[in-house]
Amino acid sequence: MLDFQLREHEKFLSRFVREYRDVDSDNDGVVDEAGFRQLMQRLQVVSEEQVERFLISIDPFNNQRVTFSQVVQLLSQEVVRAQDGSECAILELIANHQR
């Protein structure tokens, strides 16, 4: 049962993981502000104003260190309106639009 849940979780996060790995050039699980902006642009689910708000929230002291876990947590908590009018977490919206 646990293996099944883990596989489903990995499948759910697969697009996000691919995109994050592409912007995390040294594969250390940390991106700077430019990498975070690039990630958000690639995911195409939030506006530039939302990206600004996210950066203030996720890196308030401008340390230029945003971890994979921080981004997953942020995108799991932030809610957006889907095309059908329903609301869902950004991470769910990303997962539902696999490439």
PDB file of N, CA and C in Angstrom:
ATOM      1  N   MET A   1       0.824  -1.196   0.000  1.00  0.00           N
ATOM      2  CA  MET A   1       0.000   0.000   0.000  1.00  0.00           C
ATOM      3  C   MET A   1       0.871   1.263   0.000  1.00  0.00           C
ATOM      4  N   LEU A   2       1.895   1.266   0.844  1.00  0.00           N
ATOM      5  CA  LEU A   2       2.775   2.421   0.916  1.00  0.00           C
ATOM      6  C   LEU A   2       3.514   2.643  -0.405  1.00  0.00           C
ATOM      7  N   ASP A   3       3.962   1.554  -1.036  1.00  0.00           N
ATOM      8  CA  ASP A   3       4.632   1.675  -2.334  1.00  0.00           C
ATOM      9  C   ASP A   3       3.709   2.299  -3.376  1.00  0.00           C
ATOM     10  N   PHE A   4       2.457   1.893  -3.374  1.00  0.00           N
ATOM     11  CA  PHE A   4       1.472   2.441  -4.308  1.00  0.00           C
ATOM     12  C   PHE A   4       1.309   3.943  -4.066  1.00  0.00           C
ATOM     13  N   GLN A   5       1.178   4.331  -2.811  1.00  0.00           N
ATOM     14  CA  GLN A   5       1.013   5.748  -2.485  1.00  0.00           C
ATOM     15  C   GLN A   5       2.238   6.554  -2.901  1.00  0.00           C
ATOM     16  N   LEU A   6       3.417   5.993  -2.669  1.00  0.00           N
ATOM     17  CA  LEU A   6       4.635   6.683  -3.047  1.00  0.00           C
ATOM     18  C   LEU A   6       4.722   6.854  -4.562  1.00  0.00           C
ATOM     19  N   ARG A   7       4.398   5.808  -5.314  1.00  0.00           N
ATOM     20  CA  ARG A   7       4.417   5.906  -6.782  1.00  0.00           C
ATOM     21  C   ARG A   7       3.415   6.953  -7.272  1.00  0.00           C
ATOM     22  N   GLU A   8       2.242   6.989  -6.679  1.00  0.00           N
ATOM     23  CA  GLU A   8       1.234   7.977  -7.082  1.00  0.00           C
ATOM     24  C   GLU A   8       1.702   9.392  -6.757  1.00  0.00           C
ATOM     25  N   HIS A   9       2.347   9.562  -5.614  1.00  0.00           N
ATOM     26  CA  HIS A   9       2.868  10.869  -5.237  1.00  0.00           C
ATOM     27  C   HIS A   9       3.952  11.312  -6.220  1.00  0.00           C
ATOM     28  N   GLU A  10       4.848  10.405  -6.576  1.00  0.00           N
ATOM     29  CA  GLU A  10       5.895  10.715  -7.549  1.00  0.00           C
ATOM     30  C   GLU A  10       5.292  11.062  -8.907  1.00  0.00           C
ATOM     31  N   LYS A  11       4.270  10.335  -9.298  1.00  0.00           N
ATOM     32  CA  LYS A  11       3.591  10.607 -10.564  1.00  0.00           C
ATOM     33  C   LYS A  11       2.941  11.993 -10.515  1.00  0.00           C
ATOM     34  N   PHE A  12       2.310  12.314  -9.390  1.00  0.00           N
ATOM     35  CA  PHE A  12       1.654  13.602  -9.197  1.00  0.00           C
ATOM     36  C   PHE A  12       2.656  14.752  -9.355  1.00  0.00           C
ATOM     37  N   LEU A  13       3.855  14.572  -8.823  1.00  0.00           N
ATOM     38  CA  LEU A  13       4.867  15.625  -8.846  1.00  0.00           C
ATOM     39  C   LEU A  13       5.769  15.602 -10.081  1.00  0.00           C
ATOM     40  N   SER A  14       5.591  14.653 -10.979  1.00  0.00           N
ATOM     41  CA  SER A  14       6.558  14.422 -12.051  1.00  0.00           C
ATOM     42  C   SER A  14       6.835  15.652 -12.912  1.00  0.00           C
ATOM     43  N   ARG A  15       5.823  16.363 -13.352  1.00  0.00           N
ATOM     44  CA  ARG A  15       6.078  17.544 -14.192  1.00  0.00           C
ATOM     45  C   ARG A  15       6.828  18.594 -13.395  1.00  0.00           C
ATOM     46  N   PHE A  16       6.407  18.849 -12.176  1.00  0.00           N
ATOM     47  CA  PHE A  16       7.079  19.840 -11.346  1.00  0.00           C
ATOM     48  C   PHE A  16       8.548  19.460 -11.139  1.00  0.00           C
ATOM     49  N   VAL A  17       8.807  18.208 -10.837  1.00  0.00           N
ATOM     50  CA  VAL A  17      10.175  17.741 -10.610  1.00  0.00           C
ATOM     51  C   VAL A  17      11.022  17.948 -11.865  1.00  0.00           C
ATOM     52  N   ARG A  18      10.494  17.601 -13.021  1.00  0.00           N
ATOM     53  CA  ARG A  18      11.238  17.802 -14.279  1.00  0.00           C
ATOM     54  C   ARG A  18      11.597  19.271 -14.478  1.00  0.00           C
ATOM     55  N   GLU A  19      10.620  20.131 -14.291  1.00  0.00           N
ATOM     56  CA  GLU A  19      10.845  21.562 -14.499  1.00  0.00           C
ATOM     57  C   GLU A  19      11.839  22.112 -13.474  1.00  0.00           C
ATOM     58  N   TYR A  20      11.707  21.690 -12.224  1.00  0.00           N
ATOM     59  CA  TYR A  20      12.627  22.165 -11.186  1.00  0.00           C
ATOM     60  C   TYR A  20      14.053  21.718 -11.501  1.00  0.00           C
ATOM     61  N   ARG A  21      14.211  20.473 -11.891  1.00  0.00           N
ATOM     62  CA  ARG A  21      15.557  19.962 -12.217  1.00  0.00           C
ATOM     63  C   ARG A  21      16.177  20.734 -13.374  1.00  0.00           C
ATOM     64  N   ASP A  22      15.364  21.136 -14.331  1.00  0.00           N
ATOM     65  CA  ASP A  22      15.883  21.892 -15.475  1.00  0.00           C
ATOM     66  C   ASP A  22      16.420  23.264 -15.071  1.00  0.00           C
ATOM     67  N   VAL A  23      15.834  23.891 -14.059  1.00  0.00           N
ATOM     68  CA  VAL A  23      16.315  25.218 -13.640  1.00  0.00           C
ATOM     69  C   VAL A  23      17.353  25.130 -12.523  1.00  0.00           C
ATOM     70  N   ASP A  24      17.463  23.993 -11.874  1.00  0.00           N
ATOM     71  CA  ASP A  24      18.459  23.781 -10.815  1.00  0.00           C
ATOM     72  C   ASP A  24      19.736  23.235 -11.456  1.00  0.00           C
ATOM     73  N   SER A  25      20.514  24.136 -12.038  1.00  0.00           N
ATOM     74  CA  SER A  25      21.649  23.741 -12.873  1.00  0.00           C
ATOM     75  C   SER A  25      22.708  22.911 -12.149  1.00  0.00           C
ATOM     76  N   ASP A  26      22.909  23.112 -10.854  1.00  0.00           N
ATOM     77  CA  ASP A  26      23.921  22.332 -10.149  1.00  0.00           C
ATOM     78  C   ASP A  26      23.322  21.167  -9.347  1.00  0.00           C
ATOM     79  N   ASN A  27      22.029  20.954  -9.506  1.00  0.00           N
ATOM     80  CA  ASN A  27      21.324  19.821  -8.896  1.00  0.00           C
ATOM     81  C   ASN A  27      21.506  19.721  -7.388  1.00  0.00           C
ATOM     82  N   ASP A  28      21.526  20.864  -6.707  1.00  0.00           N
ATOM     83  CA  ASP A  28      21.647  20.833  -5.256  1.00  0.00           C
ATOM     84  C   ASP A  28      20.317  21.040  -4.539  1.00  0.00           C
ATOM     85  N   GLY A  29      19.225  21.143  -5.313  1.00  0.00           N
ATOM     86  CA  GLY A  29      17.903  21.314  -4.710  1.00  0.00           C
ATOM     87  C   GLY A  29      17.601  22.730  -4.284  1.00  0.00           C
ATOM     88  N   VAL A  30      18.437  23.682  -4.712  1.00  0.00           N
ATOM     89  CA  VAL A  30      18.282  25.087  -4.343  1.00  0.00           C
ATOM     90  C   VAL A  30      18.400  25.931  -5.604  1.00  0.00           C
ATOM     91  N   VAL A  31      17.494  26.912  -5.742  1.00  0.00           N
ATOM     92  CA  VAL A  31      17.586  27.860  -6.856  1.00  0.00           C
ATOM     93  C   VAL A  31      17.635  29.276  -6.295  1.00  0.00           C
ATOM     94  N   ASP A  32      18.162  30.187  -7.088  1.00  0.00           N
ATOM     95  CA  ASP A  32      18.167  31.590  -6.695  1.00  0.00           C
ATOM     96  C   ASP A  32      16.893  32.255  -7.237  1.00  0.00           C
ATOM     97  N   GLU A  33      16.802  33.561  -7.085  1.00  0.00           N
ATOM     98  CA  GLU A  33      15.616  34.278  -7.545  1.00  0.00           C
ATOM     99  C   GLU A  33      15.394  34.103  -9.044  1.00  0.00           C
ATOM    100  N   ALA A  34      16.468  34.187  -9.817  1.00  0.00           N
ATOM    101  CA  ALA A  34      16.344  34.022 -11.272  1.00  0.00           C
ATOM    102  C   ALA A  34      15.834  32.628 -11.611  1.00  0.00           C
ATOM    103  N   GLY A  35      16.342  31.619 -10.918  1.00  0.00           N
ATOM    104  CA  GLY A  35      15.884  30.249 -11.147  1.00  0.00           C
ATOM    105  C   GLY A  35      14.424  30.072 -10.769  1.00  0.00           C
ATOM    106  N   PHE A  36      14.014  30.687  -9.662  1.00  0.00           N
ATOM    107  CA  PHE A  36      12.617  30.614  -9.246  1.00  0.00           C
ATOM    108  C   PHE A  36      11.719  31.277 -10.285  1.00  0.00           C
ATOM    109  N   ARG A  37      12.131  32.448 -10.760  1.00  0.00           N
ATOM    110  CA  ARG A  37      11.348  33.145 -11.787  1.00  0.00           C
ATOM    111  C   ARG A  37      11.250  32.291 -13.063  1.00  0.00           C
ATOM    112  N   GLN A  38      12.364  31.693 -13.437  1.00  0.00           N
ATOM    113  CA  GLN A  38      12.379  30.839 -14.627  1.00  0.00           C
ATOM    114  C   GLN A  38      11.436  29.649 -14.438  1.00  0.00           C
ATOM    115  N   LEU A  39      11.461  29.045 -13.264  1.00  0.00           N
ATOM    116  CA  LEU A  39      10.572  27.927 -12.966  1.00  0.00           C
ATOM    117  C   LEU A  39       9.111  28.346 -13.092  1.00  0.00           C
ATOM    118  N   MET A  40       8.760  29.464 -12.505  1.00  0.00           N
ATOM    119  CA  MET A  40       7.369  29.941 -12.561  1.00  0.00           C
ATOM    120  C   MET A  40       6.960  30.242 -13.996  1.00  0.00           C
ATOM    121  N   GLN A  41       7.872  30.795 -14.768  1.00  0.00           N
ATOM    122  CA  GLN A  41       7.578  31.093 -16.168  1.00  0.00           C
ATOM    123  C   GLN A  41       7.341  29.799 -16.951  1.00  0.00           C
ATOM    124  N   ARG A  42       8.163  28.798 -16.700  1.00  0.00           N
ATOM    125  CA  ARG A  42       8.031  27.520 -17.397  1.00  0.00           C
ATOM    126  C   ARG A  42       6.721  26.820 -17.043  1.00  0.00           C
ATOM    127  N   LEU A  43       6.297  26.958 -15.800  1.00  0.00           N
ATOM    128  CA  LEU A  43       5.064  26.294 -15.355  1.00  0.00           C
ATOM    129  C   LEU A  43       3.812  26.997 -15.870  1.00  0.00           C
ATOM    130  N   GLN A  44       3.918  28.287 -16.155  1.00  0.00           N
ATOM    131  CA  GLN A  44       2.839  29.070 -16.759  1.00  0.00           C
ATOM    132  C   GLN A  44       1.516  28.975 -16.005  1.00  0.00           C
ATOM    133  N   VAL A  45       1.571  29.125 -14.691  1.00  0.00           N
ATOM    134  CA  VAL A  45       0.322  29.039 -13.923  1.00  0.00           C
ATOM    135  C   VAL A  45       0.067  30.265 -13.055  1.00  0.00           C
ATOM    136  N   VAL A  46       1.038  31.182 -12.972  1.00  0.00           N
ATOM    137  CA  VAL A  46       0.841  32.374 -12.137  1.00  0.00           C
ATOM    138  C   VAL A  46       1.303  33.615 -12.880  1.00  0.00           C
ATOM    139  N   SER A  47       0.798  34.745 -12.438  1.00  0.00           N
ATOM    140  CA  SER A  47       1.168  36.026 -13.039  1.00  0.00           C
ATOM    141  C   SER A  47       2.483  36.530 -12.443  1.00  0.00           C
ATOM    142  N   GLU A  48       3.039  37.543 -13.067  1.00  0.00           N
ATOM    143  CA  GLU A  48       4.272  38.149 -12.561  1.00  0.00           C
ATOM    144  C   GLU A  48       4.052  38.750 -11.171  1.00  0.00           C
ATOM    145  N   GLU A  49       2.863  39.301 -10.935  1.00  0.00           N
ATOM    146  CA  GLU A  49       2.546  39.859  -9.617  1.00  0.00           C
ATOM    147  C   GLU A  49       2.549  38.758  -8.553  1.00  0.00           C
ATOM    148  N   GLN A  50       2.031  37.600  -8.896  1.00  0.00           N
ATOM    149  CA  GLN A  50       2.038  36.485  -7.959  1.00  0.00           C
ATOM    150  C   GLN A  50       3.463  36.008  -7.697  1.00  0.00           C
ATOM    151  N   VAL A  51       4.290  35.988  -8.729  1.00  0.00           N
ATOM    152  CA  VAL A  51       5.689  35.586  -8.560  1.00  0.00           C
ATOM    153  C   VAL A  51       6.371  36.529  -7.572  1.00  0.00           C
ATOM    154  N   GLU A  52       6.130  37.826  -7.708  1.00  0.00           N
ATOM    155  CA  GLU A  52       6.705  38.811  -6.783  1.00  0.00           C
ATOM    156  C   GLU A  52       6.257  38.524  -5.349  1.00  0.00           C
ATOM    157  N   ARG A  53       4.979  38.267  -5.180  1.00  0.00           N
ATOM    158  CA  ARG A  53       4.437  37.971  -3.847  1.00  0.00           C
ATOM    159  C   ARG A  53       5.043  36.682  -3.294  1.00  0.00           C
ATOM    160  N   PHE A  54       5.188  35.685  -4.146  1.00  0.00           N
ATOM    161  CA  PHE A  54       5.777  34.416  -3.718  1.00  0.00           C
ATOM    162  C   PHE A  54       7.222  34.606  -3.257  1.00  0.00           C
ATOM    163  N   LEU A  55       7.987  35.412  -3.996  1.00  0.00           N
ATOM    164  CA  LEU A  55       9.382  35.642  -3.628  1.00  0.00           C
ATOM    165  C   LEU A  55       9.495  36.323  -2.270  1.00  0.00           C
ATOM    166  N   ILE A  56       8.627  37.271  -2.010  1.00  0.00           N
ATOM    167  CA  ILE A  56       8.629  37.941  -0.704  1.00  0.00           C
ATOM    168  C   ILE A  56       8.313  36.936   0.394  1.00  0.00           C
ATOM    169  N   SER A  57       7.404  36.040   0.104  1.00  0.00           N
ATOM    170  CA  SER A  57       6.999  35.029   1.086  1.00  0.00           C
ATOM    171  C   SER A  57       8.068  33.963   1.296  1.00  0.00           C
ATOM    172  N   ILE A  58       8.642  33.483   0.219  1.00  0.00           N
ATOM    173  CA  ILE A  58       9.529  32.325   0.282  1.00  0.00           C
ATOM    174  C   ILE A  58      10.985  32.713   0.578  1.00  0.00           C
ATOM    175  N   ASP A  59      11.383  33.937   0.233  1.00  0.00           N
ATOM    176  CA  ASP A  59      12.750  34.400   0.472  1.00  0.00           C
ATOM    177  C   ASP A  59      12.717  35.853   0.952  1.00  0.00           C
ATOM    178  N   PRO A  60      12.141  36.087   2.145  1.00  0.00           N
ATOM    179  CA  PRO A  60      11.908  37.459   2.602  1.00  0.00           C
ATOM    180  C   PRO A  60      13.180  38.286   2.810  1.00  0.00           C
ATOM    181  N   PHE A  61      14.308  37.644   3.057  1.00  0.00           N
ATOM    182  CA  PHE A  61      15.552  38.370   3.289  1.00  0.00           C
ATOM    183  C   PHE A  61      16.464  38.376   2.066  1.00  0.00           C
ATOM    184  N   ASN A  62      15.914  37.927   0.934  1.00  0.00           N
ATOM    185  CA  ASN A  62      16.633  37.915  -0.345  1.00  0.00           C
ATOM    186  C   ASN A  62      17.977  37.191  -0.231  1.00  0.00           C
ATOM    187  N   ASN A  63      17.942  36.010   0.360  1.00  0.00           N
ATOM    188  CA  ASN A  63      19.149  35.191   0.505  1.00  0.00           C
ATOM    189  C   ASN A  63      19.525  34.468  -0.778  1.00  0.00           C
ATOM    190  N   GLN A  64      18.627  34.513  -1.777  1.00  0.00           N
ATOM    191  CA  GLN A  64      18.867  33.858  -3.061  1.00  0.00           C
ATOM    192  C   GLN A  64      18.995  32.344  -2.907  1.00  0.00           C
ATOM    193  N   ARG A  65      18.226  31.792  -1.955  1.00  0.00           N
ATOM    194  CA  ARG A  65      18.240  30.349  -1.714  1.00  0.00           C
ATOM    195  C   ARG A  65      16.795  29.891  -1.505  1.00  0.00           C
ATOM    196  N   VAL A  66      16.234  29.296  -2.531  1.00  0.00           N
ATOM    197  CA  VAL A  66      14.877  28.767  -2.482  1.00  0.00           C
ATOM    198  C   VAL A  66      14.973  27.266  -2.727  1.00  0.00           C
ATOM    199  N   THR A  67      14.568  26.480  -1.734  1.00  0.00           N
ATOM    200  CA  THR A  67      14.724  25.030  -1.849  1.00  0.00           C
ATOM    201  C   THR A  67      13.532  24.390  -2.546  1.00  0.00           C
ATOM    202  N   PHE A  68      13.775  23.195  -3.043  1.00  0.00           N
ATOM    203  CA  PHE A  68      12.731  22.386  -3.660  1.00  0.00           C
ATOM    204  C   PHE A  68      11.548  22.242  -2.703  1.00  0.00           C
ATOM    205  N   SER A  69      11.822  21.896  -1.467  1.00  0.00           N
ATOM    206  CA  SER A  69      10.757  21.687  -0.477  1.00  0.00           C
ATOM    207  C   SER A  69       9.952  22.952  -0.223  1.00  0.00           C
ATOM    208  N   GLN A  70      10.618  24.092  -0.179  1.00  0.00           N
ATOM    209  CA  GLN A  70       9.913  25.355   0.028  1.00  0.00           C
ATOM    210  C   GLN A  70       8.940  25.631  -1.117  1.00  0.00           C
ATOM    211  N   VAL A  71       9.387  25.375  -2.332  1.00  0.00           N
ATOM    212  CA  VAL A  71       8.534  25.629  -3.496  1.00  0.00           C
ATOM    213  C   VAL A  71       7.347  24.662  -3.504  1.00  0.00           C
ATOM    214  N   VAL A  72       7.593  23.384  -3.197  1.00  0.00           N
ATOM    215  CA  VAL A  72       6.495  22.413  -3.135  1.00  0.00           C
ATOM    216  C   VAL A  72       5.478  22.849  -2.089  1.00  0.00           C
ATOM    217  N   GLN A  73       5.945  23.255  -0.920  1.00  0.00           N
ATOM    218  CA  GLN A  73       5.032  23.692   0.137  1.00  0.00           C
ATOM    219  C   GLN A  73       4.239  24.924  -0.293  1.00  0.00           C
ATOM    220  N   LEU A  74       4.912  25.889  -0.869  1.00  0.00           N
ATOM    221  CA  LEU A  74       4.251  27.106  -1.335  1.00  0.00           C
ATOM    222  C   LEU A  74       3.172  26.795  -2.367  1.00  0.00           C
ATOM    223  N   LEU A  75       3.525  26.010  -3.374  1.00  0.00           N
ATOM    224  CA  LEU A  75       2.583  25.712  -4.452  1.00  0.00           C
ATOM    225  C   LEU A  75       1.472  24.758  -4.009  1.00  0.00           C
ATOM    226  N   SER A  76       1.682  24.069  -2.905  1.00  0.00           N
ATOM    227  CA  SER A  76       0.631  23.213  -2.344  1.00  0.00           C
ATOM    228  C   SER A  76      -0.390  24.035  -1.568  1.00  0.00           C
ATOM    229  N   GLN A  77       0.040  25.168  -1.056  1.00  0.00           N
ATOM    230  CA  GLN A  77      -0.832  26.014  -0.235  1.00  0.00           C
ATOM    231  C   GLN A  77      -1.541  27.098  -1.032  1.00  0.00           C
ATOM    232  N   GLU A  78      -0.913  27.570  -2.083  1.00  0.00           N
ATOM    233  CA  GLU A  78      -1.487  28.654  -2.876  1.00  0.00           C
ATOM    234  C   GLU A  78      -2.569  28.127  -3.809  1.00  0.00           C
ATOM    235  N   VAL A  79      -3.686  28.798  -3.820  1.00  0.00           N
ATOM    236  CA  VAL A  79      -4.852  28.362  -4.592  1.00  0.00           C
ATOM    237  C   VAL A  79      -5.077  29.314  -5.764  1.00  0.00           C
ATOM    238  N   VAL A  80      -5.422  28.739  -6.907  1.00  0.00           N
ATOM    239  CA  VAL A  80      -5.758  29.519  -8.100  1.00  0.00           C
ATOM    240  C   VAL A  80      -7.071  29.006  -8.681  1.00  0.00           C
ATOM    241  N   ARG A  81      -7.645  29.812  -9.529  1.00  0.00           N
ATOM    242  CA  ARG A  81      -8.880  29.418 -10.212  1.00  0.00           C
ATOM    243  C   ARG A  81      -8.506  28.695 -11.501  1.00  0.00           C
ATOM    244  N   ALA A  82      -9.028  27.494 -11.674  1.00  0.00           N
ATOM    245  CA  ALA A  82      -8.789  26.698 -12.878  1.00  0.00           C
ATOM    246  C   ALA A  82      -9.664  27.213 -14.014  1.00  0.00           C
ATOM    247  N   GLN A  83      -9.413  26.736 -15.216  1.00  0.00           N
ATOM    248  CA  GLN A  83     -10.175  27.180 -16.384  1.00  0.00           C
ATOM    249  C   GLN A  83     -11.660  26.882 -16.249  1.00  0.00           C
ATOM    250  N   ASP A  84     -12.008  25.823 -15.546  1.00  0.00           N
ATOM    251  CA  ASP A  84     -13.422  25.471 -15.379  1.00  0.00           C
ATOM    252  C   ASP A  84     -14.104  26.256 -14.264  1.00  0.00           C
ATOM    253  N   GLY A  85     -13.372  27.192 -13.642  1.00  0.00           N
ATOM    254  CA  GLY A  85     -13.939  28.019 -12.590  1.00  0.00           C
ATOM    255  C   GLY A  85     -13.729  27.478 -11.188  1.00  0.00           C
ATOM    256  N   SER A  86     -13.299  26.244 -11.069  1.00  0.00           N
ATOM    257  CA  SER A  86     -13.050  25.671  -9.750  1.00  0.00           C
ATOM    258  C   SER A  86     -11.718  26.199  -9.209  1.00  0.00           C
ATOM    259  N   GLU A  87     -11.522  26.045  -7.917  1.00  0.00           N
ATOM    260  CA  GLU A  87     -10.274  26.455  -7.301  1.00  0.00           C
ATOM    261  C   GLU A  87      -9.480  25.232  -6.887  1.00  0.00           C
ATOM    262  N   CYS A  88      -8.165  25.325  -7.050  1.00  0.00           N
ATOM    263  CA  CYS A  88      -7.305  24.222  -6.636  1.00  0.00           C
ATOM    264  C   CYS A  88      -5.917  24.772  -6.322  1.00  0.00           C
ATOM    265  N   ALA A  89      -5.128  23.963  -5.629  1.00  0.00           N
ATOM    266  CA  ALA A  89      -3.752  24.352  -5.333  1.00  0.00           C
ATOM    267  C   ALA A  89      -2.973  24.432  -6.641  1.00  0.00           C
ATOM    268  N   ILE A  90      -2.015  25.335  -6.699  1.00  0.00           N
ATOM    269  CA  ILE A  90      -1.203  25.493  -7.903  1.00  0.00           C
ATOM    270  C   ILE A  90      -0.522  24.186  -8.272  1.00  0.00           C
ATOM    271  N   LEU A  91      -0.008  23.471  -7.275  1.00  0.00           N
ATOM    272  CA  LEU A  91       0.673  22.209  -7.552  1.00  0.00           C
ATOM    273  C   LEU A  91      -0.276  21.201  -8.187  1.00  0.00           C
ATOM    274  N   GLU A  92      -1.522  21.212  -7.762  1.00  0.00           N
ATOM    275  CA  GLU A  92      -2.524  20.319  -8.354  1.00  0.00           C
ATOM    276  C   GLU A  92      -2.796  20.720  -9.804  1.00  0.00           C
ATOM    277  N   LEU A  93      -2.867  21.996 -10.058  1.00  0.00           N
ATOM    278  CA  LEU A  93      -3.077  22.489 -11.423  1.00  0.00           C
ATOM    279  C   LEU A  93      -1.923  22.054 -12.330  1.00  0.00           C
ATOM    280  N   ILE A  94      -0.707  22.145 -11.820  1.00  0.00           N
ATOM    281  CA  ILE A  94       0.477  21.706 -12.573  1.00  0.00           C
ATOM    282  C   ILE A  94       0.388  20.215 -12.866  1.00  0.00           C
ATOM    283  N   ALA A  95       0.049  19.444 -11.853  1.00  0.00           N
ATOM    284  CA  ALA A  95      -0.031  17.981 -12.000  1.00  0.00           C
ATOM    285  C   ALA A  95      -1.102  17.576 -12.998  1.00  0.00           C
ATOM    286  N   ASN A  96      -2.184  18.314 -13.049  1.00  0.00           N
ATOM    287  CA  ASN A  96      -3.278  17.985 -13.957  1.00  0.00           C
ATOM    288  C   ASN A  96      -2.993  18.379 -15.394  1.00  0.00           C
ATOM    289  N   HIS A  97      -1.948  19.133 -15.602  1.00  0.00           N
ATOM    290  CA  HIS A  97      -1.568  19.557 -16.957  1.00  0.00           C
ATOM    291  C   HIS A  97      -0.203  19.010 -17.302  1.00  0.00           C
ATOM    292  N   GLN A  98      -0.046  17.713 -17.182  1.00  0.00           N
ATOM    293  CA  GLN A  98       1.216  17.048 -17.499  1.00  0.00           C
ATOM    294  C   GLN A  98       1.532  17.256 -18.972  1.00  0.00           C
ATOM    295  N   ARG A  99       2.799  17.352 -19.298  1.00  0.00           N
ATOM    296  CA  ARG A  99       3.223  17.486 -20.690  1.00  0.00           C
ATOM    297  C   ARG A  99       3.467  16.155 -21.286  1.00  0.00           C
TER     298      ARG A  99
END
